[in-house]
Amino acid sequence: LRPEATYILGKAYFHKGVDFYDESITTLLESIKLKYSAADTWEYLAL
């Protein structure tokens, strides 16, 4: 489940707070490259 795990990792970084937003963005963009995006991927990236 590499693509999904990458997506969840990106969201987990986001929920750690603003100090982890850079990692969240990098990881979520990586999940999109792996052809995985959910309805909330763009919202997390935007926030």
All heavy atoms as atom14 arrays in JSON, in Angstrom:
{
  "sequence": "LRPEATYILGKAYFHKGVDFYDESITTLLESIKLKYSAADTWEYLAL",
  "atom14_mask": [
    [1, 1, 1, 1, 1, 1, 1, 1, 0, 0, 0, 0, 0, 0],
    [1, 1, 1, 1, 1, 1, 1, 1, 1, 1, 1, 0, 0, 0],
    [1, 1, 1, 1, 1, 1, 1, 0, 0, 0, 0, 0, 0, 0],
    [1, 1, 1, 1, 1, 1, 1, 1, 1, 0, 0, 0, 0, 0],
    [1, 1, 1, 1, 1, 0, 0, 0, 0, 0, 0, 0, 0, 0],
    [1, 1, 1, 1, 1, 1, 1, 0, 0, 0, 0, 0, 0, 0],
    [1, 1, 1, 1, 1, 1, 1, 1, 1, 1, 1, 1, 0, 0],
    [1, 1, 1, 1, 1, 1, 1, 1, 0, 0, 0, 0, 0, 0],
    [1, 1, 1, 1, 1, 1, 1, 1, 0, 0, 0, 0, 0, 0],
    [1, 1, 1, 1, 0, 0, 0, 0, 0, 0, 0, 0, 0, 0],
    [1, 1, 1, 1, 1, 1, 1, 1, 1, 0, 0, 0, 0, 0],
    [1, 1, 1, 1, 1, 0, 0, 0, 0, 0, 0, 0, 0, 0],
    [1, 1, 1, 1, 1, 1, 1, 1, 1, 1, 1, 1, 0, 0],
    [1, 1, 1, 1, 1, 1, 1, 1, 1, 1, 1, 0, 0, 0],
    [1, 1, 1, 1, 1, 1, 1, 1, 1, 1, 0, 0, 0, 0],
    [1, 1, 1, 1, 1, 1, 1, 1, 1, 0, 0, 0, 0, 0],
    [1, 1, 1, 1, 0, 0, 0, 0, 0, 0, 0, 0, 0, 0],
    [1, 1, 1, 1, 1, 1, 1, 0, 0, 0, 0, 0, 0, 0],
    [1, 1, 1, 1, 1, 1, 1, 1, 0, 0, 0, 0, 0, 0],
    [1, 1, 1, 1, 1, 1, 1, 1, 1, 1, 1, 0, 0, 0],
    [1, 1, 1, 1, 1, 1, 1, 1, 1, 1, 1, 1, 0, 0],
    [1, 1, 1, 1, 1, 1, 1, 1, 0, 0, 0, 0, 0, 0],
    [1, 1, 1, 1, 1, 1, 1, 1, 1, 0, 0, 0, 0, 0],
    [1, 1, 1, 1, 1, 1, 0, 0, 0, 0, 0, 0, 0, 0],
    [1, 1, 1, 1, 1, 1, 1, 1, 0, 0, 0, 0, 0, 0],
    [1, 1, 1, 1, 1, 1, 1, 0, 0, 0, 0, 0, 0, 0],
    [1, 1, 1, 1, 1, 1, 1, 0, 0, 0, 0, 0, 0, 0],
    [1, 1, 1, 1, 1, 1, 1, 1, 0, 0, 0, 0, 0, 0],
    [1, 1, 1, 1, 1, 1, 1, 1, 0, 0, 0, 0, 0, 0],
    [1, 1, 1, 1, 1, 1, 1, 1, 1, 0, 0, 0, 0, 0],
    [1, 1, 1, 1, 1, 1, 0, 0, 0, 0, 0, 0, 0, 0],
    [1, 1, 1, 1, 1, 1, 1, 1, 0, 0, 0, 0, 0, 0],
    [1, 1, 1, 1, 1, 1, 1, 1, 1, 0, 0, 0, 0, 0],
    [1, 1, 1, 1, 1, 1, 1, 1, 0, 0, 0, 0, 0, 0],
    [1, 1, 1, 1, 1, 1, 1, 1, 1, 0, 0, 0, 0, 0],
    [1, 1, 1, 1, 1, 1, 1, 1, 1, 1, 1, 1, 0, 0],
    [1, 1, 1, 1, 1, 1, 0, 0, 0, 0, 0, 0, 0, 0],
    [1, 1, 1, 1, 1, 0, 0, 0, 0, 0, 0, 0, 0, 0],
    [1, 1, 1, 1, 1, 0, 0, 0, 0, 0, 0, 0, 0, 0],
    [1, 1, 1, 1, 1, 1, 1, 1, 0, 0, 0, 0, 0, 0],
    [1, 1, 1, 1, 1, 1, 1, 0, 0, 0, 0, 0, 0, 0],
    [1, 1, 1, 1, 1, 1, 1, 1, 1, 1, 1, 1, 1, 1],
    [1, 1, 1, 1, 1, 1, 1, 1, 1, 0, 0, 0, 0, 0],
    [1, 1, 1, 1, 1, 1, 1, 1, 1, 1, 1, 1, 0, 0],
    [1, 1, 1, 1, 1, 1, 1, 1, 0, 0, 0, 0, 0, 0],
    [1, 1, 1, 1, 1, 0, 0, 0, 0, 0, 0, 0, 0, 0],
    [1, 1, 1, 1, 1, 1, 1, 1, 0, 0, 0, 0, 0, 0]
  ],
  "atom14_positions": [
    [[0.82, -1.23, 0.0], [0.0, 0.0, 0.0], [0.85, 1.27, 0.0], [0.49, 2.26, 0.64], [-0.93, 0.02, 1.24], [-1.93, -1.11, 1.4], [-2.71, -0.95, 2.69], [-2.91, -1.14, 0.23], [0.0, 0.0, 0.0], [0.0, 0.0, 0.0], [0.0, 0.0, 0.0], [0.0, 0.0, 0.0], [0.0, 0.0, 0.0], [0.0, 0.0, 0.0]],
    [[1.97, 1.24, -0.72], [2.88, 2.39, -0.68], [2.2, 3.74, -0.99], [2.37, 4.7, -0.24], [4.06, 2.16, -1.64], [5.03, 3.33, -1.74], [6.21, 3.0, -2.64], [7.05, 1.98, -2.05], [8.02, 2.23, -1.15], [8.27, 3.46, -0.78], [8.73, 1.24, -0.65], [0.0, 0.0, 0.0], [0.0, 0.0, 0.0], [0.0, 0.0, 0.0]],
    [[1.38, 3.84, -2.07], [0.78, 5.15, -2.36], [-0.13, 5.64, -1.22], [-0.05, 6.79, -0.81], [-0.02, 4.89, -3.64], [0.63, 3.68, -4.27], [1.08, 2.84, -3.11], [0.0, 0.0, 0.0], [0.0, 0.0, 0.0], [0.0, 0.0, 0.0], [0.0, 0.0, 0.0], [0.0, 0.0, 0.0], [0.0, 0.0, 0.0], [0.0, 0.0, 0.0]],
    [[-0.96, 4.73, -0.7], [-1.89, 5.12, 0.38], [-1.12, 5.44, 1.66], [-1.45, 6.39, 2.38], [-2.9, 3.99, 0.64], [-3.96, 4.41, 1.63], [-4.97, 3.32, 1.96], [-5.03, 2.31, 1.23], [-5.68, 3.48, 2.96], [0.0, 0.0, 0.0], [0.0, 0.0, 0.0], [0.0, 0.0, 0.0], [0.0, 0.0, 0.0], [0.0, 0.0, 0.0]],
    [[-0.09, 4.64, 1.93], [0.71, 4.88, 3.15], [1.41, 6.24, 3.07], [1.53, 6.97, 4.06], [1.73, 3.76, 3.33], [0.0, 0.0, 0.0], [0.0, 0.0, 0.0], [0.0, 0.0, 0.0], [0.0, 0.0, 0.0], [0.0, 0.0, 0.0], [0.0, 0.0, 0.0], [0.0, 0.0, 0.0], [0.0, 0.0, 0.0], [0.0, 0.0, 0.0]],
    [[1.86, 6.61, 1.86], [2.52, 7.91, 1.67], [1.52, 9.04, 1.92], [1.84, 10.05, 2.57], [3.1, 7.99, 0.24], [3.95, 6.86, 0.02], [3.91, 9.25, 0.04], [0.0, 0.0, 0.0], [0.0, 0.0, 0.0], [0.0, 0.0, 0.0], [0.0, 0.0, 0.0], [0.0, 0.0, 0.0], [0.0, 0.0, 0.0], [0.0, 0.0, 0.0]],
    [[0.31, 8.87, 1.4], [-0.77, 9.86, 1.6], [-1.1, 10.03, 3.09], [-1.18, 11.15, 3.61], [-1.98, 9.41, 0.79], [-3.34, 9.84, 1.25], [-3.8, 11.14, 1.03], [-4.19, 8.93, 1.87], [-5.08, 11.52, 1.44], [-5.47, 9.3, 2.27], [-5.91, 10.6, 2.06], [-7.17, 10.96, 2.47], [0.0, 0.0, 0.0], [0.0, 0.0, 0.0]],
    [[-1.24, 8.9, 3.8], [-1.56, 8.98, 5.23], [-0.39, 9.6, 6.01], [-0.6, 10.38, 6.95], [-1.9, 7.57, 5.79], [-3.22, 7.07, 5.19], [-1.98, 7.58, 7.31], [-4.47, 7.81, 5.63], [0.0, 0.0, 0.0], [0.0, 0.0, 0.0], [0.0, 0.0, 0.0], [0.0, 0.0, 0.0], [0.0, 0.0, 0.0], [0.0, 0.0, 0.0]],
    [[0.83, 9.29, 5.61], [2.0, 9.91, 6.25], [1.95, 11.43, 6.09], [2.22, 12.18, 7.04], [3.29, 9.33, 5.66], [4.61, 9.92, 6.16], [4.76, 9.76, 7.67], [5.8, 9.26, 5.45], [0.0, 0.0, 0.0], [0.0, 0.0, 0.0], [0.0, 0.0, 0.0], [0.0, 0.0, 0.0], [0.0, 0.0, 0.0], [0.0, 0.0, 0.0]],
    [[1.6, 11.88, 4.89], [1.48, 13.33, 4.65], [0.45, 13.98, 5.56], [0.67, 15.07, 6.1], [0.0, 0.0, 0.0], [0.0, 0.0, 0.0], [0.0, 0.0, 0.0], [0.0, 0.0, 0.0], [0.0, 0.0, 0.0], [0.0, 0.0, 0.0], [0.0, 0.0, 0.0], [0.0, 0.0, 0.0], [0.0, 0.0, 0.0], [0.0, 0.0, 0.0]],
    [[-0.67, 13.28, 5.77], [-1.72, 13.83, 6.64], [-1.27, 13.79, 8.1], [-1.57, 14.71, 8.88], [-3.02, 13.05, 6.46], [-3.57, 13.18, 5.05], [-5.09, 13.09, 4.94], [-5.75, 11.93, 5.59], [-7.21, 11.93, 5.31], [0.0, 0.0, 0.0], [0.0, 0.0, 0.0], [0.0, 0.0, 0.0], [0.0, 0.0, 0.0], [0.0, 0.0, 0.0]],
    [[-0.55, 12.74, 8.48], [-0.06, 12.64, 9.87], [0.89, 13.81, 10.17], [0.82, 14.43, 11.24], [0.64, 11.3, 10.1], [0.0, 0.0, 0.0], [0.0, 0.0, 0.0], [0.0, 0.0, 0.0], [0.0, 0.0, 0.0], [0.0, 0.0, 0.0], [0.0, 0.0, 0.0], [0.0, 0.0, 0.0], [0.0, 0.0, 0.0], [0.0, 0.0, 0.0]],
    [[1.78, 14.13, 9.22], [2.66, 15.29, 9.41], [1.83, 16.56, 9.63], [2.13, 17.37, 10.5], [3.55, 15.49, 8.18], [4.8, 14.65, 8.14], [5.14, 13.91, 6.99], [5.68, 14.6, 9.22], [6.3, 13.15, 6.94], [6.83, 13.84, 9.17], [7.15, 13.12, 8.03], [8.29, 12.38, 7.99], [0.0, 0.0, 0.0], [0.0, 0.0, 0.0]],
    [[0.78, 16.73, 8.82], [-0.06, 17.94, 8.94], [-0.62, 18.05, 10.36], [-0.62, 19.13, 10.96], [-1.21, 17.9, 7.92], [-2.11, 19.09, 8.01], [-1.83, 20.24, 7.29], [-3.23, 19.08, 8.83], [-2.65, 21.37, 7.4], [-4.05, 20.2, 8.95], [-3.75, 21.34, 8.22], [0.0, 0.0, 0.0], [0.0, 0.0, 0.0], [0.0, 0.0, 0.0]],
    [[-1.1, 16.92, 10.89], [-1.74, 16.94, 12.21], [-0.72, 17.12, 13.35], [-1.12, 17.31, 14.5], [-2.6, 15.69, 12.41], [-3.84, 15.74, 11.58], [-4.89, 16.59, 11.85], [-4.19, 15.07, 10.45], [-5.83, 16.44, 10.94], [-5.43, 15.52, 10.09], [0.0, 0.0, 0.0], [0.0, 0.0, 0.0], [0.0, 0.0, 0.0], [0.0, 0.0, 0.0]],
    [[0.56, 17.08, 13.04], [1.59, 17.39, 14.05], [1.77, 18.9, 14.21], [2.43, 19.36, 15.12], [2.93, 16.74, 13.65], [3.03, 15.26, 13.95], [3.03, 14.97, 15.45], [4.33, 15.49, 16.09], [4.24, 15.42, 17.57], [0.0, 0.0, 0.0], [0.0, 0.0, 0.0], [0.0, 0.0, 0.0], [0.0, 0.0, 0.0], [0.0, 0.0, 0.0]],
    [[1.2, 19.67, 13.27], [1.25, 21.12, 13.43], [2.17, 21.81, 12.44], [2.84, 21.17, 11.63], [0.0, 0.0, 0.0], [0.0, 0.0, 0.0], [0.0, 0.0, 0.0], [0.0, 0.0, 0.0], [0.0, 0.0, 0.0], [0.0, 0.0, 0.0], [0.0, 0.0, 0.0], [0.0, 0.0, 0.0], [0.0, 0.0, 0.0], [0.0, 0.0, 0.0]],
    [[2.19, 23.13, 12.56], [2.8, 23.99, 11.53], [4.29, 23.67, 11.29], [4.77, 23.81, 10.16], [2.58, 25.48, 11.88], [3.36, 25.89, 13.11], [2.91, 26.37, 10.7], [0.0, 0.0, 0.0], [0.0, 0.0, 0.0], [0.0, 0.0, 0.0], [0.0, 0.0, 0.0], [0.0, 0.0, 0.0], [0.0, 0.0, 0.0], [0.0, 0.0, 0.0]],
    [[5.0, 23.21, 12.31], [6.43, 22.89, 12.13], [6.63, 21.74, 11.14], [7.74, 21.54, 10.64], [7.08, 22.5, 13.46], [7.2, 23.7, 14.39], [7.06, 24.84, 13.89], [7.43, 23.51, 15.59], [0.0, 0.0, 0.0], [0.0, 0.0, 0.0], [0.0, 0.0, 0.0], [0.0, 0.0, 0.0], [0.0, 0.0, 0.0], [0.0, 0.0, 0.0]],
    [[5.57, 20.97, 10.89], [5.68, 19.8, 10.0], [4.96, 20.01, 8.67], [4.85, 19.08, 7.87], [5.1, 18.56, 10.71], [5.92, 18.12, 11.9], [5.69, 18.69, 13.15], [6.93, 17.18, 11.78], [6.45, 18.32, 14.25], [7.69, 16.8, 12.87], [7.46, 17.37, 14.1], [0.0, 0.0, 0.0], [0.0, 0.0, 0.0], [0.0, 0.0, 0.0]],
    [[4.49, 21.24, 8.41], [3.73, 21.47, 7.17], [4.59, 21.24, 5.92], [4.1, 20.75, 4.91], [3.13, 22.88, 7.16], [1.9, 23.04, 8.03], [1.26, 24.28, 8.13], [1.36, 21.97, 8.73], [0.13, 24.43, 8.92], [0.24, 22.11, 9.53], [-0.38, 23.36, 9.62], [-1.5, 23.52, 10.39], [0.0, 0.0, 0.0], [0.0, 0.0, 0.0]],
    [[5.87, 21.61, 5.99], [6.74, 21.38, 4.82], [6.8, 19.9, 4.47], [6.67, 19.51, 3.3], [8.16, 21.9, 5.09], [8.27, 23.41, 4.85], [7.68, 23.87, 3.86], [8.92, 24.1, 5.65], [0.0, 0.0, 0.0], [0.0, 0.0, 0.0], [0.0, 0.0, 0.0], [0.0, 0.0, 0.0], [0.0, 0.0, 0.0], [0.0, 0.0, 0.0]],
    [[7.02, 19.05, 5.51], [7.06, 17.59, 5.28], [5.72, 17.1, 4.76], [5.65, 16.22, 3.9], [7.39, 16.82, 6.57], [8.85, 16.81, 6.94], [9.16, 17.9, 7.96], [8.47, 18.94, 7.97], [10.12, 17.71, 8.74], [0.0, 0.0, 0.0], [0.0, 0.0, 0.0], [0.0, 0.0, 0.0], [0.0, 0.0, 0.0], [0.0, 0.0, 0.0]],
    [[4.63, 17.67, 5.29], [3.3, 17.27, 4.86], [3.12, 17.52, 3.37], [2.67, 16.64, 2.62], [2.24, 18.04, 5.65], [0.95, 17.72, 5.2], [0.0, 0.0, 0.0], [0.0, 0.0, 0.0], [0.0, 0.0, 0.0], [0.0, 0.0, 0.0], [0.0, 0.0, 0.0], [0.0, 0.0, 0.0], [0.0, 0.0, 0.0], [0.0, 0.0, 0.0]],
    [[3.53, 18.71, 2.91], [3.38, 19.07, 1.49], [4.23, 18.14, 0.62], [3.73, 17.56, -0.37], [3.79, 20.54, 1.28], [2.79, 21.47, 1.98], [3.88, 20.88, -0.21], [3.27, 22.91, 2.15], [0.0, 0.0, 0.0], [0.0, 0.0, 0.0], [0.0, 0.0, 0.0], [0.0, 0.0, 0.0], [0.0, 0.0, 0.0], [0.0, 0.0, 0.0]],
    [[5.51, 17.97, 0.98], [6.41, 17.12, 0.19], [5.85, 15.7, 0.07], [5.84, 15.09, -1.01], [7.79, 17.04, 0.87], [8.24, 18.37, 1.1], [8.81, 16.32, 0.02], [0.0, 0.0, 0.0], [0.0, 0.0, 0.0], [0.0, 0.0, 0.0], [0.0, 0.0, 0.0], [0.0, 0.0, 0.0], [0.0, 0.0, 0.0], [0.0, 0.0, 0.0]],
    [[5.35, 15.17, 1.19], [4.88, 13.78, 1.22], [3.58, 13.62, 0.45], [3.4, 12.64, -0.29], [4.72, 13.32, 2.69], [5.89, 13.67, 3.42], [4.54, 11.82, 2.78], [0.0, 0.0, 0.0], [0.0, 0.0, 0.0], [0.0, 0.0, 0.0], [0.0, 0.0, 0.0], [0.0, 0.0, 0.0], [0.0, 0.0, 0.0], [0.0, 0.0, 0.0]],
    [[2.67, 14.58, 0.59], [1.41, 14.5, -0.16], [1.66, 14.62, -1.66], [1.02, 13.93, -2.46], [0.43, 15.58, 0.32], [-0.2, 15.31, 1.69], [-0.91, 16.55, 2.22], [-1.18, 14.14, 1.63], [0.0, 0.0, 0.0], [0.0, 0.0, 0.0], [0.0, 0.0, 0.0], [0.0, 0.0, 0.0], [0.0, 0.0, 0.0], [0.0, 0.0, 0.0]],
    [[2.6, 15.48, -2.06], [2.93, 15.59, -3.49], [3.53, 14.28, -4.0], [3.26, 13.85, -5.13], [3.88, 16.77, -3.73], [3.26, 18.16, -3.53], [4.33, 19.24, -3.64], [2.13, 18.41, -4.54], [0.0, 0.0, 0.0], [0.0, 0.0, 0.0], [0.0, 0.0, 0.0], [0.0, 0.0, 0.0], [0.0, 0.0, 0.0], [0.0, 0.0, 0.0]],
    [[4.3, 13.63, -3.13], [4.87, 12.32, -3.48], [3.74, 11.29, -3.69], [3.78, 10.49, -4.63], [5.81, 11.88, -2.34], [6.46, 10.52, -2.51], [7.39, 10.42, -3.72], [7.96, 11.46, -4.14], [7.53, 9.31, -4.25], [0.0, 0.0, 0.0], [0.0, 0.0, 0.0], [0.0, 0.0, 0.0], [0.0, 0.0, 0.0], [0.0, 0.0, 0.0]],
    [[2.71, 11.34, -2.84], [1.59, 10.38, -2.99], [0.84, 10.62, -4.3], [0.37, 9.67, -4.93], [0.63, 10.46, -1.79], [-0.15, 11.63, -1.82], [0.0, 0.0, 0.0], [0.0, 0.0, 0.0], [0.0, 0.0, 0.0], [0.0, 0.0, 0.0], [0.0, 0.0, 0.0], [0.0, 0.0, 0.0], [0.0, 0.0, 0.0], [0.0, 0.0, 0.0]],
    [[0.76, 11.89, -4.73], [0.11, 12.19, -6.02], [0.94, 11.61, -7.16], [0.4, 11.05, -8.12], [-0.08, 13.72, -6.17], [-1.1, 14.22, -5.16], [-0.52, 14.07, -7.59], [-1.17, 15.73, -5.03], [0.0, 0.0, 0.0], [0.0, 0.0, 0.0], [0.0, 0.0, 0.0], [0.0, 0.0, 0.0], [0.0, 0.0, 0.0], [0.0, 0.0, 0.0]],
    [[2.27, 11.73, -7.04], [3.16, 11.13, -8.06], [2.96, 9.63, -8.14], [3.1, 9.02, -9.19], [4.63, 11.39, -7.69], [5.19, 12.66, -8.28], [6.73, 12.58, -8.28], [7.33, 13.96, -8.12], [8.18, 14.11, -6.94], [0.0, 0.0, 0.0], [0.0, 0.0, 0.0], [0.0, 0.0, 0.0], [0.0, 0.0, 0.0], [0.0, 0.0, 0.0]],
    [[2.64, 9.02, -6.98], [2.39, 7.57, -6.94], [0.96, 7.24, -7.37], [0.48, 6.14, -7.14], [2.66, 7.04, -5.52], [4.1, 7.11, -5.03], [4.19, 6.81, -3.54], [4.99, 6.14, -5.81], [0.0, 0.0, 0.0], [0.0, 0.0, 0.0], [0.0, 0.0, 0.0], [0.0, 0.0, 0.0], [0.0, 0.0, 0.0], [0.0, 0.0, 0.0]],
    [[0.28, 8.25, -7.96], [-1.08, 8.07, -8.49], [-2.12, 7.85, -7.39], [-3.1, 7.16, -7.58], [-1.14, 6.89, -9.49], [-0.17, 6.97, -10.64], [-0.72, 7.88, -11.74], [0.11, 7.83, -13.01], [1.38, 8.56, -12.89], [0.0, 0.0, 0.0], [0.0, 0.0, 0.0], [0.0, 0.0, 0.0], [0.0, 0.0, 0.0], [0.0, 0.0, 0.0]],
    [[-1.85, 8.41, -6.21], [-2.86, 8.3, -5.15], [-3.25, 9.7, -4.71], [-2.43, 10.46, -4.21], [-2.33, 7.53, -3.93], [-3.44, 7.17, -2.95], [-4.05, 5.93, -3.02], [-3.89, 8.09, -2.02], [-5.11, 5.61, -2.17], [-4.94, 7.77, -1.16], [-5.54, 6.53, -1.24], [-6.58, 6.22, -0.41], [0.0, 0.0, 0.0], [0.0, 0.0, 0.0]],
    [[-4.53, 10.05, -4.9], [-5.02, 11.26, -4.26], [-6.46, 11.02, -3.86], [-7.22, 10.38, -4.57], [-4.9, 12.47, -5.17], [-5.83, 12.4, -6.22], [0.0, 0.0, 0.0], [0.0, 0.0, 0.0], [0.0, 0.0, 0.0], [0.0, 0.0, 0.0], [0.0, 0.0, 0.0], [0.0, 0.0, 0.0], [0.0, 0.0, 0.0], [0.0, 0.0, 0.0]],
    [[-6.8, 11.5, -2.66], [-8.15, 11.36, -2.14], [-8.84, 12.72, -2.25], [-8.22, 13.73, -2.61], [-8.1, 10.89, -0.69], [0.0, 0.0, 0.0], [0.0, 0.0, 0.0], [0.0, 0.0, 0.0], [0.0, 0.0, 0.0], [0.0, 0.0, 0.0], [0.0, 0.0, 0.0], [0.0, 0.0, 0.0], [0.0, 0.0, 0.0], [0.0, 0.0, 0.0]],
    [[-10.12, 12.76, -1.91], [-10.87, 14.01, -2.02], [-10.24, 15.12, -1.18], [-10.29, 16.28, -1.54], [-12.31, 13.78, -1.58], [0.0, 0.0, 0.0], [0.0, 0.0, 0.0], [0.0, 0.0, 0.0], [0.0, 0.0, 0.0], [0.0, 0.0, 0.0], [0.0, 0.0, 0.0], [0.0, 0.0, 0.0], [0.0, 0.0, 0.0], [0.0, 0.0, 0.0]],
    [[-9.6, 14.73, -0.05], [-9.07, 15.78, 0.84], [-7.59, 16.09, 0.61], [-7.03, 16.96, 1.28], [-9.3, 15.41, 2.31], [-8.61, 14.12, 2.72], [-7.93, 13.5, 1.87], [-8.75, 13.71, 3.88], [0.0, 0.0, 0.0], [0.0, 0.0, 0.0], [0.0, 0.0, 0.0], [0.0, 0.0, 0.0], [0.0, 0.0, 0.0], [0.0, 0.0, 0.0]],
    [[-6.94, 15.41, -0.36], [-5.51, 15.66, -0.59], [-5.25, 17.14, -0.87], [-4.36, 17.76, -0.29], [-5.0, 14.82, -1.78], [-5.11, 13.42, -1.46], [-3.54, 15.12, -2.08], [0.0, 0.0, 0.0], [0.0, 0.0, 0.0], [0.0, 0.0, 0.0], [0.0, 0.0, 0.0], [0.0, 0.0, 0.0], [0.0, 0.0, 0.0], [0.0, 0.0, 0.0]],
    [[-6.06, 17.71, -1.78], [-5.83, 19.11, -2.2], [-6.1, 20.07, -1.06], [-5.44, 21.1, -0.92], [-6.69, 19.44, -3.42], [-6.41, 18.5, -4.56], [-7.23, 17.51, -5.03], [-5.2, 18.43, -5.33], [-6.61, 16.83, -6.05], [-5.37, 17.38, -6.26], [-4.01, 19.16, -5.34], [-4.39, 17.03, -7.18], [-3.03, 18.82, -6.25], [-3.22, 17.76, -7.16]],
    [[-7.09, 19.73, -0.23], [-7.42, 20.6, 0.9], [-6.27, 20.62, 1.91], [-5.89, 21.69, 2.41], [-8.7, 20.08, 1.56], [-9.25, 21.01, 2.6], [-10.56, 20.5, 3.21], [-11.15, 19.52, 2.69], [-10.97, 21.09, 4.21], [0.0, 0.0, 0.0], [0.0, 0.0, 0.0], [0.0, 0.0, 0.0], [0.0, 0.0, 0.0], [0.0, 0.0, 0.0]],
    [[-5.7, 19.46, 2.19], [-4.53, 19.4, 3.1], [-3.37, 20.21, 2.52], [-2.71, 20.96, 3.23], [-4.1, 17.95, 3.32], [-4.79, 17.26, 4.48], [-5.95, 16.52, 4.3], [-4.27, 17.35, 5.77], [-6.59, 15.89, 5.37], [-4.9, 16.71, 6.85], [-6.05, 15.98, 6.64], [-6.67, 15.36, 7.7], [0.0, 0.0, 0.0], [0.0, 0.0, 0.0]],
    [[-3.12, 20.04, 1.22], [-2.04, 20.79, 0.57], [-2.3, 22.3, 0.65], [-1.39, 23.1, 0.92], [-1.91, 20.37, -0.89], [-1.17, 19.05, -1.14], [-1.4, 18.56, -2.57], [0.33, 19.2, -0.87], [0.0, 0.0, 0.0], [0.0, 0.0, 0.0], [0.0, 0.0, 0.0], [0.0, 0.0, 0.0], [0.0, 0.0, 0.0], [0.0, 0.0, 0.0]],
    [[-3.56, 22.69, 0.45], [-3.92, 24.11, 0.49], [-3.72, 24.68, 1.89], [-3.15, 25.76, 2.06], [-5.38, 24.28, 0.04], [0.0, 0.0, 0.0], [0.0, 0.0, 0.0], [0.0, 0.0, 0.0], [0.0, 0.0, 0.0], [0.0, 0.0, 0.0], [0.0, 0.0, 0.0], [0.0, 0.0, 0.0], [0.0, 0.0, 0.0], [0.0, 0.0, 0.0]],
    [[-4.18, 23.95, 2.9], [-4.09, 24.45, 4.28], [-2.64, 24.49, 4.76], [-2.23, 25.44, 5.43], [-4.94, 23.57, 5.21], [-6.45, 23.67, 4.99], [-7.17, 22.57, 5.77], [-6.98, 25.05, 5.4], [0.0, 0.0, 0.0], [0.0, 0.0, 0.0], [0.0, 0.0, 0.0], [0.0, 0.0, 0.0], [0.0, 0.0, 0.0], [0.0, 0.0, 0.0]]
  ]
}
